[in-house]
C-alpha atoms as a PDB file:
ATOM      1  CA  ALA A   1      -0.003  -0.029   0.086  1.00  0.00           C
ATOM      2  CA  ARG A   2       2.973   2.271   0.711  1.00  0.00           C
ATOM      3  CA  SER A   3       4.316   1.843  -2.868  1.00  0.00           C
ATOM      4  CA  PHE A   4       0.746   2.446  -4.250  1.00  0.00           C
ATOM      5  CA  ALA A   5       0.430   5.587  -2.162  1.00  0.00           C
ATOM      6  CA  ASP A   6       3.914   6.803  -3.251  1.00  0.00           C
ATOM      7  CA  ILE A   7       2.880   6.268  -6.941  1.00  0.00           C
ATOM      8  CA  GLY A   8      -0.262   8.355  -6.315  1.00  0.00           C
ATOM      9  CA  ASP A   9       1.915  11.149  -4.868  1.00  0.00           C
ATOM     10  CA  ILE A  10       4.258  11.135  -7.822  1.00  0.00           C
ATOM     11  CA  VAL A  11       1.550  11.115 -10.360  1.00  0.00           C
ATOM     12  CA  ARG A  12      -0.397  13.810  -8.557  1.00  0.00           C
ATOM     13  CA  GLY A  13       2.786  15.958  -8.020  1.00  0.00           C
ATOM     14  CA  LYS A  14       2.614  15.794  -4.341  1.00  0.00           C
ATOM     15  CA  ASP A  15       5.730  13.607  -3.633  1.00  0.00           C
ATOM     16  CA  LEU A  16       7.888  15.173  -0.780  1.00  0.00           C
ATOM     17  CA  TYR A  17      10.949  12.881  -1.124  1.00  0.00           C
ATOM     18  CA  ARG A  18      13.680  14.691  -2.716  1.00  0.00           C
ATOM     19  CA  GLY A  19      16.504  12.050  -2.842  1.00  0.00           C
ATOM     20  CA  ASN A  20      20.105  12.506  -3.808  1.00  0.00           C
ATOM     21  CA  LYS A  21      21.640  14.132  -6.937  1.00  0.00           C
ATOM     22  CA  LYS A  22      21.309  10.946  -9.057  1.00  0.00           C
ATOM     23  CA  GLU A  23      17.592  10.608  -7.954  1.00  0.00           C
ATOM     24  CA  ASN A  24      17.010  14.259  -8.620  1.00  0.00           C
ATOM     25  CA  LYS A  25      18.057  13.892 -12.257  1.00  0.00           C
ATOM     26  CA  GLN A  26      15.730  10.899 -12.658  1.00  0.00           C
ATOM     27  CA  ARG A  27      13.006  12.764 -10.765  1.00  0.00           C
ATOM     28  CA  LYS A  28      13.314  15.740 -13.393  1.00  0.00           C
ATOM     29  CA  GLN A  29      13.098  13.197 -16.326  1.00  0.00           C
ATOM     30  CA  LEU A  30      10.005  11.604 -14.717  1.00  0.00           C
ATOM     31  CA  ASP A  31       8.377  14.972 -14.013  1.00  0.00           C
ATOM     32  CA  ASP A  32       9.018  16.204 -17.519  1.00  0.00           C
ATOM     33  CA  SER A  33       7.586  12.956 -19.036  1.00  0.00           C
ATOM     34  CA  LEU A  34       4.542  13.219 -16.832  1.00  0.00           C
ATOM     35  CA  LYS A  35       4.020  16.992 -17.832  1.00  0.00           C
ATOM     36  CA  GLU A  36       4.074  15.857 -21.397  1.00  0.00           C
ATOM     37  CA  ILE A  37       1.599  13.048 -20.929  1.00  0.00           C
ATOM     38  CA  PHE A  38      -0.845  15.216 -19.072  1.00  0.00           C
ATOM     39  CA  GLU A  39      -0.642  17.847 -21.792  1.00  0.00           C
ATOM     40  CA  ASN A  40      -1.354  15.235 -24.390  1.00  0.00           C
ATOM     41  CA  ILE A  41      -4.355  14.033 -22.254  1.00  0.00           C
ATOM     42  CA  LYS A  42      -5.687  17.619 -22.097  1.00  0.00           C
ATOM     43  CA  GLU A  43      -5.308  18.110 -25.655  1.00  0.00           C
ATOM     44  CA  SER A  44      -7.026  14.987 -26.493  1.00  0.00           C
ATOM     45  CA  ASP A  45     -10.431  15.896 -24.808  1.00  0.00           C
ATOM     46  CA  ALA A  46     -11.872  19.347 -25.226  1.00  0.00           C
ATOM     47  CA  LYS A  47     -13.530  19.004 -21.727  1.00  0.00           C
ATOM     48  CA  LEU A  48     -10.198  18.780 -20.000  1.00  0.00           C
ATOM     49  CA  THR A  49      -8.316  21.807 -21.754  1.00  0.00           C
ATOM     50  CA  LYS A  50      -9.365  24.169 -19.031  1.00  0.00           C
ATOM     51  CA  LEU A  51      -7.869  21.957 -16.045  1.00  0.00           C
ATOM     52  CA  ASN A  52      -4.681  23.161 -14.738  1.00  0.00           C
ATOM     53  CA  ASP A  53      -1.615  20.991 -13.992  1.00  0.00           C
ATOM     54  CA  ASP A  54      -2.707  19.888 -10.501  1.00  0.00           C
ATOM     55  CA  GLN A  55      -6.341  19.249 -11.637  1.00  0.00           C
ATOM     56  CA  ILE A  56      -5.406  17.180 -14.599  1.00  0.00           C
ATOM     57  CA  ARG A  57      -3.054  14.915 -12.420  1.00  0.00           C
ATOM     58  CA  GLU A  58      -5.815  14.469  -9.799  1.00  0.00           C
ATOM     59  CA  TYR A  59      -8.282  13.815 -12.578  1.00  0.00           C
ATOM     60  CA  TRP A  60      -6.071  11.054 -14.050  1.00  0.00           C
ATOM     61  CA  TRP A  61      -5.323   9.444 -10.726  1.00  0.00           C
ATOM     62  CA  ALA A  62      -8.866   9.264  -9.657  1.00  0.00           C
ATOM     63  CA  LEU A  63      -9.878   7.666 -12.992  1.00  0.00           C
ATOM     64  CA  ASN A  64      -7.003   5.209 -13.028  1.00  0.00           C
ATOM     65  CA  ARG A  65      -6.184   4.308  -9.361  1.00  0.00           C
ATOM     66  CA  ASN A  66      -8.164   1.143  -9.506  1.00  0.00           C
ATOM     67  CA  ASP A  67      -6.026  -0.037 -12.469  1.00  0.00           C
ATOM     68  CA  VAL A  68      -2.862   0.963 -10.903  1.00  0.00           C
ATOM     69  CA  TRP A  69      -3.780  -1.103  -7.862  1.00  0.00           C
ATOM     70  CA  LYS A  70      -4.574  -4.098  -9.921  1.00  0.00           C
ATOM     71  CA  ALA A  71      -1.396  -3.738 -11.838  1.00  0.00           C
ATOM     72  CA  ILE A  72       0.548  -3.729  -8.553  1.00  0.00           C
ATOM     73  CA  THR A  73      -1.346  -6.722  -7.016  1.00  0.00           C
ATOM     74  CA  CYS A  74      -2.028  -8.760 -10.081  1.00  0.00           C
ATOM     75  CA  ASP A  75       0.786 -11.194  -9.395  1.00  0.00           C
ATOM     76  CA  ALA A  76       0.062 -11.368  -5.671  1.00  0.00           C
ATOM     77  CA  PRO A  77      -0.342 -15.042  -4.653  1.00  0.00           C
ATOM     78  CA  HIS A  78      -3.857 -16.195  -3.580  1.00  0.00           C
ATOM     79  CA  GLY A  79      -4.251 -15.701  -0.038  1.00  0.00           C
ATOM     80  CA  ALA A  80      -1.906 -12.611   0.051  1.00  0.00           C
ATOM     81  CA  GLN A  81      -3.550 -10.222   2.440  1.00  0.00           C
ATOM     82  CA  TYR A  82      -3.475  -6.511   2.763  1.00  0.00           C
ATOM     83  CA  PHE A  83      -1.988  -5.511   6.133  1.00  0.00           C
ATOM     84  CA  ARG A  84      -5.190  -4.389   7.852  1.00  0.00           C
ATOM     85  CA  GLY A  85      -8.798  -4.656   7.887  1.00  0.00           C
ATOM     86  CA  THR A  86     -10.121  -2.629   4.973  1.00  0.00           C
ATOM     87  CA  CYS A  87     -12.930  -4.733   3.581  1.00  0.00           C
ATOM     88  CA  GLY A  88     -16.395  -4.109   5.227  1.00  0.00           C
ATOM     89  CA  GLY A  89     -16.577  -1.561   7.964  1.00  0.00           C
ATOM     90  CA  GLY A  90     -16.967  -1.143  11.674  1.00  0.00           C
ATOM     91  CA  ASN A  91     -17.067  -4.462  13.558  1.00  0.00           C
ATOM     92  CA  ASN A  92     -17.238  -6.278  10.241  1.00  0.00           C
ATOM     93  CA  ALA A  93     -13.839  -5.036   8.848  1.00  0.00           C
ATOM     94  CA  LYS A  94     -11.558  -7.757   7.617  1.00  0.00           C
ATOM     95  CA  ARG A  95      -8.483  -8.139   5.594  1.00  0.00           C
ATOM     96  CA  ALA A  96      -8.532  -8.270   1.734  1.00  0.00           C
ATOM     97  CA  PRO A  97      -8.192 -12.105   1.311  1.00  0.00           C
ATOM     98  CA  SER A  98      -7.228 -12.425  -2.397  1.00  0.00           C
ATOM     99  CA  HIS A  99      -4.749 -10.464  -4.480  1.00  0.00           C
ATOM    100  CA  CYS A 100      -5.131  -7.719  -2.031  1.00  0.00           C
ATOM    101  CA  ARG A 101      -8.725  -6.972  -3.069  1.00  0.00           C
ATOM    102  CA  CYS A 102     -11.963  -7.103  -1.249  1.00  0.00           C
ATOM    103  CA  GLU A 103     -14.389  -9.820  -2.024  1.00  0.00           C
ATOM    104  CA  ASN A 104     -18.072  -9.412  -3.066  1.00  0.00           C
ATOM    105  CA  LYS A 105     -20.952 -11.465  -1.417  1.00  0.00           C
ATOM    106  CA  LEU A 106     -20.059 -14.423  -3.702  1.00  0.00           C
ATOM    107  CA  GLY A 107     -16.459 -14.483  -2.547  1.00  0.00           C
ATOM    108  CA  GLU A 108     -15.094 -13.164  -5.812  1.00  0.00           C
ATOM    109  CA  PRO A 109     -12.457 -10.469  -5.833  1.00  0.00           C
ATOM    110  CA  GLN A 110     -13.798  -6.947  -6.394  1.00  0.00           C
ATOM    111  CA  ASP A 111     -12.028  -4.632  -8.726  1.00  0.00           C
ATOM    112  CA  GLN A 112     -11.596  -1.831  -6.100  1.00  0.00           C
ATOM    113  CA  VAL A 113      -8.704  -0.448  -4.094  1.00  0.00           C
ATOM    114  CA  PRO A 114      -9.286  -1.418  -0.549  1.00  0.00           C
ATOM    115  CA  THR A 115      -7.530   1.616   0.852  1.00  0.00           C
ATOM    116  CA  TYR A 116      -7.525   5.451   0.533  1.00  0.00           C
ATOM    117  CA  PHE A 117      -3.984   5.437   2.050  1.00  0.00           C
ATOM    118  CA  ASP A 118      -3.028   7.259  -1.382  1.00  0.00           C
ATOM    119  CA  TYR A 119      -4.967  10.211  -0.052  1.00  0.00           C
ATOM    120  CA  VAL A 120      -3.297  10.387   3.472  1.00  0.00           C
ATOM    121  CA  PRO A 121      -0.618  13.131   3.335  1.00  0.00           C
ATOM    122  CA  GLN A 122       2.869  11.544   2.807  1.00  0.00           C
ATOM    123  CA  TYR A 123       4.464  13.062   5.893  1.00  0.00           C
ATOM    124  CA  LEU A 124       1.716  11.298   8.024  1.00  0.00           C
ATOM    125  CA  ARG A 125       2.401   7.974   6.307  1.00  0.00           C
ATOM    126  CA  TRP A 126       6.085   8.546   7.050  1.00  0.00           C
ATOM    127  CA  PHE A 127       5.314   9.137  10.847  1.00  0.00           C
ATOM    128  CA  GLU A 128       3.453   5.706  10.780  1.00  0.00           C
ATOM    129  CA  GLU A 129       6.317   4.052   9.024  1.00  0.00           C
ATOM    130  CA  TRP A 130       8.818   5.377  11.366  1.00  0.00           C
ATOM    131  CA  ALA A 131       6.691   4.284  14.385  1.00  0.00           C
ATOM    132  CA  GLU A 132       6.780   0.655  13.107  1.00  0.00           C
ATOM    133  CA  ASP A 133      10.586   0.600  13.114  1.00  0.00           C
END
């Protein structure tokens, strides 16, 4: 889930991690590529041309986050579980039992992301991660 959230931060232009000089060069290349991709998306749909850079990034992430999650978890072995109860709610919360996806009433994996971890500010995720160490 951390990798998923980190990808979301990068796509949405909200990544706080700066890295070293080598990583900065790679980050610049990635940022330039993402800017070009998002400009192409805006140009391909007249309804999107008025969106600013931040808005188009948020739009793309909201539209594609389920597919990014599926891509990350597609090779997860059957029985791979997400690290906390995210399926259901309240007293019925349980871990995602298959490919890190919640199941429907028939026990089949649903195509939904079982977390909103990608919308938790990065510095708060860092605090949680550091507290685990």
